[in-house]
Amino acid sequence: MNKFCPHPLSIVSLLAAVFMTMSLSAHAEKADRDKPIDLEADSVTVNDAKKTSTYTGNVILTQGTLMIRGDKLIVREDKDGFQHSTSYGNPTTFRQKRDGKDEYMEGSAQRIEYDGRMDKVQLYTKAWVKRGEDIVHGDYIMYDANAEYAEVIGGGAQAATPATPTGRVRAVIQPKKKPEASSPAPN
């Protein structure tokens, strides 16, 4: 198992945007941003001229509580230094602890793309994102952090999965816990 250290990446930003898909109050573990990125893969190809790195074969990225797994991860830096990444897998997955909570965000798709310039994440094909007991399924999930806009699209019958047998969008949102009624103060 080989370990490779990538050039500075904004992979955490990828997942921070995904975490916000279900709730703007869902934030990734802040301490993770200050942790080193550890990348493992069967092979890596770095093209400095094109500013790309391609990791293939059982790719595992960890940074603090963040873990991304996939078959392939491509990271590209644009001329202005913004990071763009695409993770592929059957499926590609992520998991990260929520900041200040004993709870994790996790998700999966066949492909996850992140645009660092636009702060936008897209999950393609058999996609789902889960926070606590809340979960959303769709064939396409997108979150634009700048516009604070999310979209989930079903794929019809051809996109059917066991979780979405008709291929329609499916979300399960737990009721919010109501504050406990306080007892009247004794006189």
Protein backbone atom coordinates (compact mmCIF):
# COMPACT_ATOMS: atom_id res chain seq x y z
CA MET A 1 0.00 0.00 0.00
CA ASN A 2 1.56 3.26 -1.15
CA LYS A 3 0.92 6.63 0.48
CA PHE A 4 1.06 9.85 -1.49
CA CYS A 5 0.94 13.42 -0.25
CA PRO A 6 -0.99 15.66 -2.66
CA HIS A 7 -0.38 19.33 -3.27
CA PRO A 8 -2.57 21.46 -0.94
CA LEU A 9 -6.15 20.39 -1.60
CA SER A 10 -9.52 21.76 -0.67
CA ILE A 11 -11.07 18.31 -0.33
CA VAL A 12 -12.64 19.34 2.98
CA SER A 13 -14.50 22.05 1.08
CA LEU A 14 -15.96 19.33 -1.13
CA LEU A 15 -17.53 17.63 1.79
CA ALA A 16 -18.46 20.78 3.67
CA ALA A 17 -20.67 21.64 0.72
CA VAL A 18 -22.14 18.13 0.63
CA PHE A 19 -22.92 18.33 4.34
CA MET A 20 -24.90 21.49 3.74
CA THR A 21 -27.14 19.71 1.22
CA MET A 22 -29.61 18.71 3.90
CA SER A 23 -29.31 21.59 6.36
CA LEU A 24 -27.33 24.80 6.48
CA SER A 25 -26.68 24.08 10.15
CA ALA A 26 -24.85 20.86 9.30
CA HIS A 27 -21.13 21.69 9.44
CA ALA A 28 -18.12 19.44 9.12
CA GLU A 29 -15.72 19.00 11.99
CA LYS A 30 -13.76 22.30 11.94
CA ALA A 31 -10.63 20.74 13.41
CA ASP A 32 -10.31 18.52 10.32
CA ARG A 33 -9.18 21.49 8.21
CA ASP A 34 -5.98 21.75 10.24
CA LYS A 35 -5.15 18.04 10.00
CA PRO A 36 -2.82 16.58 7.37
CA ILE A 37 -4.35 14.92 4.31
CA ASP A 38 -3.37 11.25 4.01
CA LEU A 39 -3.99 9.72 0.60
CA GLU A 40 -3.57 6.04 -0.25
CA ALA A 41 -3.97 4.52 -3.71
CA ASP A 42 -2.54 1.76 -5.84
CA SER A 43 -1.05 4.39 -8.15
CA VAL A 44 -0.79 8.13 -8.70
CA THR A 45 -0.07 10.20 -11.77
CA VAL A 46 0.92 13.85 -11.33
CA ASN A 47 0.99 16.21 -14.29
CA ASP A 48 2.50 19.49 -13.08
CA ALA A 49 2.06 21.14 -16.50
CA LYS A 50 -1.71 20.54 -16.38
CA LYS A 51 -1.85 20.88 -12.58
CA THR A 52 -3.64 17.55 -12.15
CA SER A 53 -3.20 14.54 -9.89
CA THR A 54 -4.96 11.25 -10.55
CA TYR A 55 -5.14 8.63 -7.82
CA THR A 56 -6.39 5.17 -8.86
CA GLY A 57 -7.08 1.83 -7.22
CA ASN A 58 -8.75 1.60 -3.82
CA VAL A 59 -8.34 5.32 -3.13
CA ILE A 60 -8.68 6.30 0.53
CA LEU A 61 -8.39 9.93 1.58
CA THR A 62 -8.44 10.77 5.28
CA GLN A 63 -8.15 14.13 7.01
CA GLY A 64 -9.12 14.08 10.66
CA THR A 65 -12.62 12.55 10.83
CA LEU A 66 -13.12 12.91 7.06
CA MET A 67 -12.83 9.78 4.93
CA ILE A 68 -13.40 9.52 1.18
CA ARG A 69 -13.24 6.16 -0.58
CA GLY A 70 -13.38 5.53 -4.30
CA ASP A 71 -11.86 3.79 -7.26
CA LYS A 72 -10.39 6.99 -8.71
CA LEU A 73 -9.85 10.58 -7.56
CA ILE A 74 -8.82 13.35 -9.95
CA VAL A 75 -7.77 16.73 -8.53
CA ARG A 76 -7.17 19.73 -10.78
CA GLU A 77 -6.05 23.22 -9.88
CA ASP A 78 -7.21 26.05 -12.16
CA LYS A 79 -5.08 29.07 -13.17
CA ASP A 80 -6.39 31.04 -10.17
CA GLY A 81 -5.51 28.30 -7.67
CA PHE A 82 -9.04 26.93 -7.13
CA GLN A 83 -9.33 23.18 -6.62
CA HIS A 84 -11.68 21.00 -8.67
CA SER A 85 -12.03 17.32 -7.90
CA THR A 86 -13.91 14.30 -9.16
CA SER A 87 -14.20 11.04 -7.26
CA TYR A 88 -15.43 7.90 -9.03
CA GLY A 89 -16.48 4.56 -7.60
CA ASN A 90 -19.04 1.85 -7.52
CA PRO A 91 -19.81 3.68 -5.31
CA THR A 92 -17.58 6.51 -4.11
CA THR A 93 -18.36 7.39 -0.49
CA PHE A 94 -17.61 9.99 2.15
CA ARG A 95 -18.03 10.19 5.92
CA GLN A 96 -17.19 13.00 8.36
CA LYS A 97 -18.06 13.93 11.92
CA ARG A 98 -20.27 16.99 12.35
CA ASP A 99 -18.73 19.87 14.27
CA GLY A 100 -19.64 19.83 17.95
CA LYS A 101 -21.95 16.81 17.62
CA ASP A 102 -21.59 13.11 18.18
CA GLU A 103 -23.02 12.57 14.72
CA TYR A 104 -21.67 11.88 11.24
CA MET A 105 -22.56 13.00 7.72
CA GLU A 106 -22.14 10.44 5.02
CA GLY A 107 -23.06 9.95 1.42
CA SER A 108 -22.51 8.00 -1.73
CA ALA A 109 -22.80 8.21 -5.52
CA GLN A 110 -21.14 6.79 -8.60
CA ARG A 111 -19.42 10.16 -9.16
CA ILE A 112 -18.93 13.21 -6.92
CA GLU A 113 -17.68 16.47 -8.45
CA TYR A 114 -16.56 19.58 -6.59
CA ASP A 115 -15.93 23.00 -8.14
CA GLY A 116 -13.82 25.07 -5.72
CA ARG A 117 -14.30 28.29 -7.65
CA MET A 118 -18.10 28.07 -7.52
CA ASP A 119 -18.19 26.20 -4.17
CA LYS A 120 -20.57 23.72 -5.74
CA VAL A 121 -20.80 19.96 -5.27
CA GLN A 122 -22.68 17.48 -7.44
CA LEU A 123 -23.38 13.80 -6.76
CA TYR A 124 -24.32 11.72 -9.80
CA THR A 125 -26.11 8.38 -10.14
CA LYS A 126 -27.55 6.45 -7.19
CA ALA A 127 -26.78 9.39 -4.91
CA TRP A 128 -27.68 9.77 -1.24
CA VAL A 129 -26.66 11.98 1.65
CA LYS A 130 -27.38 11.16 5.30
CA ARG A 131 -27.09 13.29 8.45
CA GLY A 132 -28.04 11.56 11.66
CA GLU A 133 -31.30 9.81 10.82
CA ASP A 134 -32.22 12.22 7.97
CA ILE A 135 -31.50 10.97 4.46
CA VAL A 136 -32.16 12.09 0.91
CA HIS A 137 -31.88 9.86 -2.20
CA GLY A 138 -31.85 10.90 -5.83
CA ASP A 139 -30.12 10.23 -9.10
CA TYR A 140 -28.56 13.70 -8.88
CA ILE A 141 -27.88 15.86 -5.81
CA MET A 142 -26.39 19.35 -6.13
CA TYR A 143 -25.55 22.02 -3.60
CA ASP A 144 -24.34 25.52 -4.49
CA ALA A 145 -22.93 27.00 -1.27
CA ASN A 146 -22.63 30.53 -2.71
CA ALA A 147 -26.27 30.67 -3.74
CA GLU A 148 -27.40 28.53 -0.76
CA TYR A 149 -29.35 26.45 -3.26
CA ALA A 150 -29.85 22.68 -3.32
CA GLU A 151 -31.47 20.45 -5.89
CA VAL A 152 -32.29 16.75 -5.90
CA ILE A 153 -33.54 15.05 -9.07
CA GLY A 154 -34.85 11.53 -9.52
CA GLY A 155 -33.91 9.54 -12.58
CA GLY A 156 -37.15 7.74 -13.32
CA ALA A 157 -37.54 4.00 -13.65
CA GLN A 158 -34.09 3.56 -15.23
CA ALA A 159 -32.53 4.99 -12.03
CA ALA A 160 -34.43 2.71 -9.65
CA THR A 161 -32.55 1.37 -6.63
CA PRO A 162 -33.72 -0.63 -3.60
CA ALA A 163 -34.01 2.68 -1.69
CA THR A 164 -35.89 4.36 -4.57
CA PRO A 165 -37.71 1.56 -6.44
CA THR A 166 -39.49 4.02 -8.76
CA GLY A 167 -36.40 6.20 -9.30
CA ARG A 168 -38.13 9.19 -7.69
CA VAL A 169 -36.49 11.47 -5.12
CA ARG A 170 -36.96 10.14 -1.61
CA ALA A 171 -36.23 11.96 1.65
CA VAL A 172 -36.78 10.87 5.23
CA ILE A 173 -36.61 13.79 7.66
CA GLN A 174 -37.01 13.13 11.37
CA PRO A 175 -39.17 15.49 13.43
CA LYS A 176 -37.21 18.16 15.24
CA LYS A 177 -36.98 17.68 18.97
CA LYS A 178 -39.15 20.16 20.78
CA PRO A 179 -37.69 21.93 23.80
CA GLU A 180 -38.85 20.34 27.01
CA ALA A 181 -41.57 22.34 28.75
CA SER A 182 -40.20 23.85 31.90
CA SER A 183 -41.97 23.22 35.15
CA PRO A 184 -43.65 26.20 36.75
CA ALA A 185 -41.49 27.81 39.41
CA PRO A 186 -42.61 27.05 42.99
CA ASN A 187 -44.14 30.02 44.85
